[in-house]
C-alpha cells in the first residue's frame, strides 16, 4: 500500500505509469481468480435476516451466534441514535446513506423495525427475529449494567453524558422515570409479535437458539454467553413496583410466552407453493409474505430440503405451529403426504418451456460464483439444454399430479392478472402492485436467444413441458371464460 501511495503521490515519477499498470493488471487478475473460483469478494449478497436487539435480552450473545452463522463480514450492527438526526450508526460509526452497505446479509441492533424499514426499504419482507425477557429482570439487569458502565465513565469528561444523566440515582428513582419504562414495547412499536418470524425468550435462550438455528438451516451454533450482568438481590416490594410500572411489557411478555407455546404445537398447513426455477417464484414469495406474514415458511431450496430431512426426518417434522404456508423448490412427490394429511391447496406457476430454459441458463451463467448451480464455465446454451437434468423440469416437479388436480396454476407471462385471480380465489385483502424479482438481465455479448433454430431445438428437447404448458393454458382459458 505504501509503495502504491508513493507512486501515486509522485506524479512526475517516470515509473508511475508502469507501476499503476502493474497494480491494475494485478487487481484484475485477483478479481478474475476469485470470480473463477466462485468467491468473488465484490459479489452483491442477498439480505437474509433482520434482528432487533432489545437491551438486556441476550442480544449481545445472539449477535455472536449470528456472526458464527453468517460470518462477521456479512453482518452489520445497526443502531438508531436519536441525537444524530437523519442518520444511524453502522458498526458504531455514523451512517447517512439510504442504502445498506453492499455485502450485508444480516442486520442486528437497537432499532425500531418500522422506522428501519422506512429508512431502508430493501429490508421489507425479510424474516425478522427478536428476543424478549421478563420485564422485571430486564429492568434490574439494565440498571446494574448501566451502573457498571457509569463507574468506568466517571472521570472521562463529556463521555456518554446520557448515561450520567440517567444513572446518578437509585434503582427506584431509575425505574420511576418514564423514559425507562416499557422499553420492550417501545422497541417493537408498530410491529405486533405475530409479525415476527421468531420471538425468542431470554430465559429459554439455549433451547430457543437451537430451534431457531434448525429453522434457519444454520450449521450448528453453540451457545455463547456475552455481556452478562451480575445483579444483587432486589426486594419483592421493589420488584412488584417495577412490574406495575411496566404493565405494557408484562402483557407483551405473556403474549410472547403464548406464541412460544403455540410454536411447539403441530402446524396446520393450508397452502403449498411449488416454486419451479424461473417461473416468477421469487416474486410470488414476496406476495405470500405480504398476505400471510411469518406464517409462510422460509423459502425451501434443494439443499435446504436435504438438510431438513436429515435433521427432522421429514419436511413436516421441521414445521412449527404457526406455519400455514410452505413455499419452495419442492417436487410434488416430496409434499404429497403433507398435502394429503393437511388437506392443503397446492399451487404453482408455469412458463413457456423454451423461455424458462433460456432464462435459467442466463441466471446460472450470471451466477457462476455458485459452482453448485450446475453450469460449467463457457458452457453453451445448446450444451446446457441437452443435459438430461435440464430437460422437462416442470414436468419433473409435477410428477404424480395432473394440471387439473392443482388448486391453481398461474402463467408467468400473465403474472399480474393471474395473481389477482388467485387473490380473489383465496379471499386475500388488497395487495400492493406485483413486483418482479430475480429477473434475468441481458449481458453484453450474449448469443441471440431469439434464433428460431435454437428455440426449436430446445422445444424438441422439452416436449413433456410443452404439453404440460399447453394444458395449463387450456385450463386458464376455460377459467377466464367463466
Protein backbone atom coordinates (compact mmCIF):
# COMPACT_ATOMS: atom_id res chain seq x y z
CA UNK A 1 0.00 0.00 0.00
CA UNK A 2 2.82 2.45 0.91
CA UNK A 3 4.57 1.69 -2.38
CA UNK A 4 1.36 2.36 -4.28
CA UNK A 5 0.79 5.67 -2.43
CA UNK A 6 4.40 6.71 -3.13
CA UNK A 7 3.98 6.34 -6.88
CA UNK A 8 0.50 7.86 -6.71
CA UNK A 9 1.77 10.98 -4.96
CA UNK A 10 4.90 11.35 -7.09
CA UNK A 11 3.12 12.48 -10.24
CA UNK A 12 6.35 13.09 -12.17
CA UNK A 13 7.92 9.79 -11.29
CA UNK A 14 8.68 8.09 -14.63
CA UNK A 15 7.88 4.68 -13.15
CA UNK A 16 4.42 5.78 -12.02
CA UNK A 17 2.54 4.74 -15.18
CA UNK A 18 4.24 1.38 -15.25
CA UNK A 19 3.56 0.83 -11.54
CA UNK A 20 -0.09 1.76 -11.88
CA UNK A 21 -0.44 -0.53 -14.87
CA UNK A 22 1.05 -3.42 -12.89
CA UNK A 23 -1.24 -2.70 -9.95
CA UNK A 24 -4.28 -2.53 -12.25
CA UNK A 25 -3.35 -5.73 -14.04
CA UNK A 26 -2.69 -7.45 -10.74
CA UNK A 27 -6.03 -6.33 -9.33
CA UNK A 28 -7.79 -7.59 -12.46
CA UNK A 29 -6.09 -10.97 -12.16
CA UNK A 30 -7.06 -11.25 -8.49
CA UNK A 31 -10.65 -10.33 -9.37
CA UNK A 32 -10.74 -12.90 -12.18
CA UNK A 33 -9.22 -15.52 -9.89
CA UNK A 34 -11.94 -15.05 -7.30
CA UNK A 35 -14.61 -14.90 -9.99
CA UNK A 36 -13.50 -18.18 -11.46
CA UNK A 37 -13.06 -19.79 -8.05
CA UNK A 38 -16.58 -18.88 -7.06
CA UNK A 39 -15.65 -16.50 -4.21
CA UNK A 40 -15.80 -13.10 -5.82
CA UNK A 41 -15.40 -10.67 -2.90
CA UNK A 42 -17.23 -7.93 -4.77
CA UNK A 43 -20.32 -10.04 -5.43
CA UNK A 44 -23.52 -8.47 -4.11
CA UNK A 45 -25.01 -10.69 -1.43
CA UNK A 46 -28.66 -11.08 -0.59
CA UNK A 47 -30.17 -9.72 2.60
CA UNK A 48 -31.42 -12.59 4.74
CA UNK A 49 -32.36 -11.52 8.25
CA UNK A 50 -33.26 -8.59 10.50
CA UNK A 51 -32.63 -8.94 14.24
CA UNK A 52 -33.99 -6.42 16.76
CA UNK A 53 -31.85 -6.21 19.89
CA UNK A 54 -33.80 -5.00 22.91
CA UNK A 55 -31.24 -4.11 25.62
CA UNK A 56 -30.54 -6.88 28.16
CA UNK A 57 -32.47 -9.64 26.37
CA UNK A 58 -29.50 -11.79 25.33
CA UNK A 59 -28.93 -9.61 22.26
CA UNK A 60 -25.15 -9.49 22.64
CA UNK A 61 -24.97 -13.27 22.94
CA UNK A 62 -27.26 -13.61 19.92
CA UNK A 63 -25.04 -11.26 17.93
CA UNK A 64 -22.16 -13.69 18.44
CA UNK A 65 -24.37 -16.53 17.22
CA UNK A 66 -25.30 -14.56 14.09
CA UNK A 67 -21.65 -13.79 13.36
CA UNK A 68 -20.87 -17.50 13.57
CA UNK A 69 -23.87 -18.48 11.42
CA UNK A 70 -23.41 -15.90 8.66
CA UNK A 71 -19.81 -14.75 9.01
CA UNK A 72 -18.60 -11.47 10.51
CA UNK A 73 -18.08 -9.89 7.08
CA UNK A 74 -21.76 -10.43 6.18
CA UNK A 75 -23.09 -8.97 9.41
CA UNK A 76 -23.60 -5.34 10.43
CA UNK A 77 -24.55 -3.83 13.74
CA UNK A 78 -27.02 -1.01 13.13
CA UNK A 79 -28.27 1.26 15.92
CA UNK A 80 -30.67 4.16 15.98
CA UNK A 81 -29.11 7.19 17.66
CA UNK A 82 -31.70 9.88 18.50
CA UNK A 83 -29.01 12.53 18.82
CA UNK A 84 -27.95 12.00 15.18
CA UNK A 85 -30.82 13.47 13.26
CA UNK A 86 -31.23 11.83 9.86
CA UNK A 87 -28.58 9.19 10.46
CA UNK A 88 -27.93 5.93 12.26
CA UNK A 89 -24.76 4.16 13.32
CA UNK A 90 -23.39 1.19 11.41
CA UNK A 91 -20.75 -0.78 13.28
CA UNK A 92 -20.66 2.14 15.76
CA UNK A 93 -19.91 4.75 13.07
CA UNK A 94 -22.29 7.43 11.85
CA UNK A 95 -24.10 6.39 8.65
CA UNK A 96 -26.12 8.80 6.49
CA UNK A 97 -26.80 6.77 3.32
CA UNK A 98 -30.26 5.42 2.49
CA UNK A 99 -28.95 2.04 1.31
CA UNK A 100 -27.26 -0.59 3.42
CA UNK A 101 -23.60 -1.40 2.79
CA UNK A 102 -23.00 -3.81 -0.09
CA UNK A 103 -22.50 -7.36 1.11
CA UNK A 104 -24.85 -7.11 4.09
CA UNK A 105 -26.76 -10.31 4.82
CA UNK A 106 -27.80 -9.72 8.44
CA UNK A 107 -28.78 -6.51 10.25
CA UNK A 108 -28.75 -6.58 14.06
CA UNK A 109 -29.04 -3.78 16.58
CA UNK A 110 -31.04 -1.38 18.71
CA UNK A 111 -33.75 -0.02 16.40
CA UNK A 112 -37.47 0.05 15.74
CA UNK A 113 -38.45 -2.22 12.82
CA UNK A 114 -40.97 0.16 11.21
CA UNK A 115 -38.57 3.11 11.29
CA UNK A 116 -35.76 0.95 9.96
CA UNK A 117 -37.85 -0.34 7.05
CA UNK A 118 -38.90 3.23 6.20
CA UNK A 119 -35.24 4.20 6.07
CA UNK A 120 -34.08 1.06 4.22
CA UNK A 121 -36.98 -0.28 2.07
CA UNK A 122 -34.87 -3.23 0.95
CA UNK A 123 -35.48 -4.75 4.39
CA UNK A 124 -39.24 -5.06 3.82
CA UNK A 125 -40.37 -8.67 3.56
CA UNK A 126 -37.28 -10.14 5.23
CA UNK A 127 -37.57 -12.52 8.18
CA UNK A 128 -37.46 -10.59 11.49
CA UNK A 129 -36.42 -12.02 14.84
CA UNK A 130 -36.12 -10.65 18.37
CA UNK A 131 -35.73 -11.76 21.97
CA UNK A 132 -37.80 -10.68 24.97
CA UNK A 133 -37.30 -11.11 28.71
CA UNK A 134 -39.33 -10.95 31.90
CA UNK A 135 -39.68 -7.16 32.31
CA UNK A 136 -38.70 -7.06 36.00
CA UNK A 137 -35.48 -8.98 35.34
CA UNK A 138 -34.72 -6.90 32.25
CA UNK A 139 -35.12 -3.56 34.06
CA UNK A 140 -32.98 -4.65 37.01
CA UNK A 141 -30.32 -6.04 34.69
CA UNK A 142 -30.30 -2.87 32.61
CA UNK A 143 -29.93 -0.68 35.72
CA UNK A 144 -26.91 -2.56 37.06
CA UNK A 145 -25.38 -2.80 33.61
CA UNK A 146 -25.56 0.98 33.27
CA UNK A 147 -24.24 1.43 36.78
CA UNK A 148 -21.25 -0.73 35.90
CA UNK A 149 -20.62 1.32 32.77
CA UNK A 150 -21.01 4.53 34.76
CA UNK A 151 -18.19 3.57 37.09
CA UNK A 152 -15.95 3.23 34.08
CA UNK A 153 -17.12 6.50 32.56
CA UNK A 154 -16.81 8.77 35.57
CA UNK A 155 -13.77 10.93 35.24
CA UNK A 156 -13.96 10.90 31.43
CA UNK A 157 -15.36 14.37 30.93
CA UNK A 158 -18.07 14.64 28.29
CA UNK A 159 -18.11 10.92 27.59
CA UNK A 160 -21.63 9.46 27.43
CA UNK A 161 -23.39 12.25 29.27
CA UNK A 162 -26.70 10.47 28.69
CA UNK A 163 -25.62 7.60 30.94
CA UNK A 164 -24.56 10.05 33.64
CA UNK A 165 -27.93 11.81 33.44
CA UNK A 166 -29.82 8.54 33.76
CA UNK A 167 -27.75 6.82 36.39
CA UNK A 168 -26.96 9.33 39.17
CA UNK A 169 -29.92 7.89 41.08
CA UNK A 170 -31.10 4.80 42.93
CA UNK A 171 -32.79 1.79 41.35
CA UNK A 172 -36.21 3.07 42.42
CA UNK A 173 -35.52 6.53 41.03
CA UNK A 174 -34.39 4.91 37.80
CA UNK A 175 -37.48 2.72 37.37
CA UNK A 176 -39.88 5.56 38.23
CA UNK A 177 -38.54 7.66 35.35
CA UNK A 178 -40.95 7.21 32.44
CA UNK A 179 -38.09 7.01 29.93
CA UNK A 180 -37.03 3.70 31.47
CA UNK A 181 -40.48 2.06 31.44
CA UNK A 182 -41.95 -0.39 28.89
CA UNK A 183 -38.82 -0.30 26.75
CA UNK A 184 -39.62 -3.63 25.07
CA UNK A 185 -42.92 -2.20 23.82
CA UNK A 186 -41.07 0.90 22.64
CA UNK A 187 -38.61 -1.10 20.51
CA UNK A 188 -41.38 -3.23 19.00
CA UNK A 189 -43.89 -0.40 18.49
CA UNK A 190 -45.74 -0.74 15.19
CA UNK A 191 -44.93 -4.44 14.76
CA UNK A 192 -47.05 -6.97 16.69
CA UNK A 193 -45.27 -10.04 17.99
CA UNK A 194 -47.19 -12.05 15.40
CA UNK A 195 -45.37 -10.02 12.74
CA UNK A 196 -42.01 -11.50 13.78
CA UNK A 197 -40.78 -14.75 12.28
CA UNK A 198 -39.32 -15.74 15.62
CA UNK A 199 -39.61 -14.34 19.14
CA UNK A 200 -37.14 -15.98 21.49
CA UNK A 201 -37.44 -15.98 25.27
CA UNK A 202 -34.25 -14.96 27.05
CA UNK A 203 -34.95 -17.34 29.94
CA UNK A 204 -35.06 -20.21 27.40
CA UNK A 205 -32.11 -18.93 25.37
CA UNK A 206 -30.23 -22.19 24.72
CA UNK A 207 -33.34 -24.12 23.68
CA UNK A 208 -34.77 -21.31 21.55
CA UNK A 209 -31.40 -20.65 19.86
CA UNK A 210 -31.22 -24.32 18.86
CA UNK A 211 -34.77 -24.19 17.49
CA UNK A 212 -34.11 -21.01 15.50
CA UNK A 213 -30.87 -22.42 14.10
CA UNK A 214 -32.68 -25.52 12.88
CA UNK A 215 -35.43 -23.48 11.26
CA UNK A 216 -32.94 -21.16 9.54
CA UNK A 217 -30.82 -24.12 8.37
CA UNK A 218 -27.72 -22.90 10.21
CA UNK A 219 -24.80 -25.14 10.81
CA UNK A 220 -24.63 -25.99 14.49
CA UNK A 221 -24.16 -22.78 16.50
CA UNK A 222 -23.05 -23.32 20.07
CA UNK A 223 -24.47 -21.06 22.76
CA UNK A 224 -22.07 -18.21 23.61
CA UNK A 225 -22.92 -16.03 26.58
CA UNK A 226 -21.82 -12.40 26.32
CA UNK A 227 -22.35 -9.19 28.31
CA UNK A 228 -23.88 -10.97 31.31
CA UNK A 229 -24.73 -8.59 34.18
CA UNK A 230 -24.22 -9.65 37.80
CA UNK A 231 -27.11 -8.32 39.92
CA UNK A 232 -27.63 -8.08 43.69
CA UNK A 233 -30.80 -9.37 45.34
CA UNK A 234 -33.75 -6.96 44.91
CA UNK A 235 -36.63 -6.92 47.41
CA UNK A 236 -40.07 -8.23 46.46
CA UNK A 237 -41.57 -4.77 47.11
CA UNK A 238 -39.30 -3.13 44.53
CA UNK A 239 -39.89 -5.96 42.06
CA UNK A 240 -43.66 -5.54 42.42
CA UNK A 241 -43.37 -1.83 41.70
CA UNK A 242 -41.23 -2.48 38.62
CA UNK A 243 -43.88 -4.88 37.32
CA UNK A 244 -46.62 -2.31 37.93
CA UNK A 245 -44.68 0.46 36.17
CA UNK A 246 -44.03 -1.84 33.18
CA UNK A 247 -47.54 -3.20 32.66
CA UNK A 248 -47.21 -2.91 28.89
CA UNK A 249 -44.05 -5.00 28.85
CA UNK A 250 -45.62 -7.55 31.22
CA UNK A 251 -48.51 -8.05 28.78
CA UNK A 252 -46.05 -8.28 25.86
CA UNK A 253 -44.02 -10.92 27.67
CA UNK A 254 -47.10 -13.02 28.41
CA UNK A 255 -48.04 -12.82 24.74
CA UNK A 256 -44.55 -13.97 23.75
CA UNK A 257 -44.84 -16.97 26.08
CA UNK A 258 -48.18 -17.82 24.48
CA UNK A 259 -46.67 -17.64 20.98
CA UNK A 260 -43.78 -19.84 22.09
CA UNK A 261 -46.24 -22.45 23.38
CA UNK A 262 -48.14 -22.29 20.09
CA UNK A 263 -44.86 -22.76 18.24
CA UNK A 264 -44.49 -26.12 19.94
CA UNK A 265 -47.83 -27.31 18.58
CA UNK A 266 -48.29 -29.20 15.31
CA UNK A 267 -48.83 -27.00 12.25
CA UNK A 268 -51.94 -26.79 10.10
CA UNK A 269 -50.77 -26.26 6.53
CA UNK A 270 -53.29 -24.51 4.28
CA UNK A 271 -51.23 -23.79 1.17
CA UNK A 272 -48.22 -25.37 -0.55
CA UNK A 273 -46.49 -23.33 -3.26
CA UNK A 274 -44.26 -25.30 -5.64
CA UNK A 275 -41.60 -22.93 -6.93
CA UNK A 276 -40.14 -24.06 -10.24
CA UNK A 277 -36.97 -22.14 -11.18
CA UNK A 278 -37.56 -19.04 -13.32
CA UNK A 279 -41.35 -19.05 -13.17
CA UNK A 280 -41.87 -15.92 -11.01
CA UNK A 281 -41.50 -17.90 -7.76
CA UNK A 282 -39.29 -15.32 -6.02
CA UNK A 283 -41.74 -12.54 -6.84
CA UNK A 284 -44.63 -14.72 -5.70
CA UNK A 285 -42.94 -15.41 -2.37
CA UNK A 286 -42.85 -11.69 -1.63
CA UNK A 287 -46.63 -11.54 -2.15
CA UNK A 288 -47.14 -14.57 0.10
CA UNK A 289 -45.17 -12.80 2.81
CA UNK A 290 -47.28 -9.70 2.38
CA UNK A 291 -50.51 -11.67 2.77
CA UNK A 292 -49.57 -14.35 5.30
CA UNK A 293 -46.61 -12.76 7.09
CA UNK A 294 -44.36 -15.02 9.17
CA UNK A 295 -46.79 -17.94 8.84
CA UNK A 296 -45.08 -18.56 5.47
CA UNK A 297 -42.07 -20.86 5.61
CA UNK A 298 -38.66 -19.53 4.72
CA UNK A 299 -38.09 -20.40 1.00
CA UNK A 300 -37.02 -24.03 0.83
CA UNK A 301 -34.16 -24.69 -1.57
CA UNK A 302 -33.00 -28.10 -2.73
CA UNK A 303 -30.00 -28.17 -0.41
CA UNK A 304 -32.17 -26.96 2.49
CA UNK A 305 -34.61 -29.82 1.98
CA UNK A 306 -31.85 -32.43 2.22
CA UNK A 307 -30.63 -30.86 5.48
CA UNK A 308 -34.22 -30.64 6.77
CA UNK A 309 -34.94 -34.32 6.17
CA UNK A 310 -31.61 -35.26 7.75
CA UNK A 311 -32.39 -33.20 10.89
CA UNK A 312 -36.13 -33.76 11.29
CA UNK A 313 -36.84 -36.94 9.38
CA UNK A 314 -39.39 -35.20 7.14
CA UNK A 315 -40.44 -31.78 5.89
CA UNK A 316 -43.47 -31.82 8.18
CA UNK A 317 -41.25 -32.51 11.18
CA UNK A 318 -39.50 -29.17 10.64
CA UNK A 319 -42.71 -27.13 10.63
CA UNK A 320 -43.97 -25.44 13.78
CA UNK A 321 -47.43 -24.50 14.98
CA UNK A 322 -47.61 -21.04 13.45
CA UNK A 323 -46.86 -22.22 9.90
CA UNK A 324 -49.72 -22.12 7.40
CA UNK A 325 -47.93 -21.83 4.04
CA UNK A 326 -44.99 -23.80 2.63
CA UNK A 327 -43.06 -22.42 -0.36
CA UNK A 328 -40.00 -23.72 -2.12
CA UNK A 329 -38.29 -25.79 -4.80
CA UNK A 330 -40.32 -28.88 -3.94
CA UNK A 331 -41.21 -31.79 -6.21
CA UNK A 332 -44.80 -32.90 -5.80
CA UNK A 333 -43.89 -36.42 -4.54
CA UNK A 334 -41.97 -34.69 -1.71
CA UNK A 335 -45.05 -32.82 -0.48
CA UNK A 336 -47.77 -35.31 -1.44
CA UNK A 337 -48.09 -36.76 2.09
CA UNK A 338 -48.08 -33.28 3.60
CA UNK A 339 -50.85 -32.20 1.24
CA UNK A 340 -53.00 -35.21 1.97
CA UNK A 341 -52.54 -35.08 5.75
CA UNK A 342 -53.40 -31.39 5.96
CA UNK A 343 -55.81 -31.07 3.04
CA UNK A 344 -53.58 -28.29 1.73
CA UNK A 345 -54.13 -26.45 -1.55
CA UNK A 346 -51.23 -26.93 -3.99
CA UNK A 347 -50.43 -24.07 -6.35
CA UNK A 348 -47.67 -23.38 -8.85
CA UNK A 349 -46.65 -21.18 -11.77
CA UNK A 350 -45.66 -22.35 -15.25
CA UNK A 351 -43.88 -20.63 -18.09
CA UNK A 352 -43.23 -21.17 -21.80
CA UNK A 353 -40.69 -24.02 -21.55
CA UNK A 354 -38.30 -22.55 -24.10
CA UNK A 355 -38.20 -19.19 -22.37
CA UNK A 356 -37.83 -20.88 -19.00
CA UNK A 357 -34.80 -22.92 -20.10
CA UNK A 358 -33.15 -19.84 -21.62
CA UNK A 359 -33.89 -17.73 -18.54
CA UNK A 360 -32.49 -20.39 -16.21
CA UNK A 361 -29.35 -20.69 -18.32
CA UNK A 362 -28.80 -16.93 -18.22
CA UNK A 363 -29.47 -16.87 -14.47
CA UNK A 364 -26.93 -19.63 -13.85
CA UNK A 365 -24.40 -18.03 -16.15
CA UNK A 366 -24.68 -14.73 -14.30
CA UNK A 367 -24.20 -16.62 -11.05
CA UNK A 368 -21.08 -18.63 -11.85
CA UNK A 369 -19.83 -17.61 -8.41
CA UNK A 370 -22.01 -20.52 -7.25
CA UNK A 371 -20.32 -23.63 -8.72
CA UNK A 372 -23.02 -25.95 -7.35
CA UNK A 373 -25.57 -24.42 -9.71
CA UNK A 374 -24.55 -26.96 -12.30
CA UNK A 375 -23.20 -24.81 -15.14
CA UNK A 376 -19.62 -25.07 -16.27
CA UNK A 377 -17.58 -22.08 -17.31
CA UNK A 378 -18.10 -21.20 -21.00
CA UNK A 379 -20.78 -23.87 -21.34
CA UNK A 380 -23.06 -23.03 -24.28
CA UNK A 381 -26.83 -22.86 -24.10
CA UNK A 382 -27.03 -25.76 -26.57
CA UNK A 383 -24.84 -27.97 -24.33
CA UNK A 384 -26.77 -26.95 -21.23
CA UNK A 385 -30.17 -27.59 -22.83
CA UNK A 386 -29.20 -31.11 -23.97
CA UNK A 387 -28.41 -32.31 -20.44
CA UNK A 388 -30.94 -34.78 -19.13
CA UNK A 389 -31.21 -32.94 -15.79
CA UNK A 390 -32.18 -29.68 -17.52
CA UNK A 391 -34.90 -31.15 -19.74
CA UNK A 392 -38.65 -31.16 -18.90
CA UNK A 393 -38.01 -29.61 -15.50
CA UNK A 394 -41.61 -28.51 -14.93
CA UNK A 395 -42.93 -31.99 -15.64
CA UNK A 396 -40.47 -33.44 -13.13
CA UNK A 397 -41.69 -31.03 -10.44
CA UNK A 398 -45.30 -32.05 -11.06
CA UNK A 399 -44.72 -35.76 -11.46
CA UNK A 400 -47.62 -37.56 -9.80
CA UNK A 401 -50.24 -34.83 -10.12
CA UNK A 402 -52.26 -33.62 -13.09
CA UNK A 403 -52.71 -29.96 -14.01
CA UNK A 404 -56.44 -30.27 -13.34
CA UNK A 405 -55.80 -31.55 -9.80
CA UNK A 406 -53.82 -28.49 -8.73
CA UNK A 407 -55.77 -25.85 -6.83
CA UNK A 408 -54.31 -23.12 -9.02
CA UNK A 409 -51.87 -22.88 -11.92
CA UNK A 410 -50.61 -19.41 -12.76
CA UNK A 411 -48.93 -18.48 -16.03
CA UNK A 412 -45.78 -16.41 -15.66
CA UNK A 413 -46.49 -14.47 -18.87
CA UNK A 414 -49.78 -13.30 -17.29
CA UNK A 415 -48.37 -12.84 -13.81
CA UNK A 416 -50.20 -9.70 -12.68
CA UNK A 417 -53.58 -10.83 -13.99
CA UNK A 418 -53.26 -14.35 -12.60
CA UNK A 419 -52.04 -13.10 -9.23
CA UNK A 420 -55.23 -11.05 -8.99
CA UNK A 421 -57.30 -14.14 -9.87
CA UNK A 422 -55.58 -16.19 -7.17
CA UNK A 423 -56.13 -13.44 -4.61
CA UNK A 424 -59.86 -13.48 -5.29
CA UNK A 425 -59.99 -17.28 -5.03
CA UNK A 426 -58.29 -17.24 -1.64
CA UNK A 427 -60.05 -14.14 -0.35
CA UNK A 428 -56.88 -12.09 0.03
CA UNK A 429 -57.10 -8.44 1.04
CA UNK A 430 -55.88 -5.85 -1.42
CA UNK A 431 -52.17 -6.33 -2.09
CA UNK A 432 -49.54 -3.95 -3.41
CA UNK A 433 -48.65 -3.88 -7.09
CA UNK A 434 -46.92 -7.10 -8.17
CA UNK A 435 -43.14 -6.94 -8.08
CA UNK A 436 -40.82 -8.75 -10.45
CA UNK A 437 -37.73 -10.05 -8.66
CA UNK A 438 -34.73 -12.16 -9.64
CA UNK A 439 -35.21 -11.36 -13.33
CA UNK A 440 -32.50 -12.35 -15.80
CA UNK A 441 -30.99 -9.30 -17.46
CA UNK A 442 -29.26 -9.07 -20.84
CA UNK A 443 -25.48 -9.34 -20.78
CA UNK A 444 -23.27 -7.76 -23.41
CA UNK A 445 -22.04 -10.30 -25.92
CA UNK A 446 -24.82 -12.82 -25.35
CA UNK A 447 -25.96 -15.07 -28.17
CA UNK A 448 -29.21 -14.33 -29.97
CA UNK A 449 -31.79 -16.21 -27.91
CA UNK A 450 -34.49 -15.42 -30.45
CA UNK A 451 -32.78 -17.63 -33.05
CA UNK A 452 -35.64 -19.87 -34.32
CA UNK A 453 -33.31 -22.85 -34.87
CA UNK A 454 -32.08 -22.66 -31.27
CA UNK A 455 -35.59 -22.27 -29.88
CA UNK A 456 -36.89 -25.18 -31.97
CA UNK A 457 -34.11 -27.40 -30.64
CA UNK A 458 -35.00 -26.50 -27.02
CA UNK A 459 -38.69 -27.12 -27.70
CA UNK A 460 -37.97 -30.58 -29.12
CA UNK A 461 -35.92 -31.42 -26.02
CA UNK A 462 -38.77 -30.37 -23.73
CA UNK A 463 -41.84 -31.93 -25.32
CA UNK A 464 -43.30 -33.06 -21.98
CA UNK A 465 -43.08 -29.50 -20.66
CA UNK A 466 -44.61 -28.15 -23.87
CA UNK A 467 -47.62 -30.44 -23.42
CA UNK A 468 -47.88 -29.54 -19.72
CA UNK A 469 -47.78 -25.83 -20.53
CA UNK A 470 -50.45 -26.17 -23.21
CA UNK A 471 -52.75 -27.99 -20.75
CA UNK A 472 -52.26 -25.16 -18.28
CA UNK A 473 -53.11 -22.59 -20.96
CA UNK A 474 -56.27 -24.52 -21.83
CA UNK A 475 -57.28 -24.61 -18.19
CA UNK A 476 -56.62 -20.88 -17.82
CA UNK A 477 -58.71 -20.11 -20.94
CA UNK A 478 -61.56 -22.16 -19.53
CA UNK A 479 -61.42 -20.45 -16.13
CA UNK A 480 -61.19 -17.00 -17.67
CA UNK A 481 -64.35 -17.62 -19.71
CA UNK A 482 -66.49 -18.44 -16.67
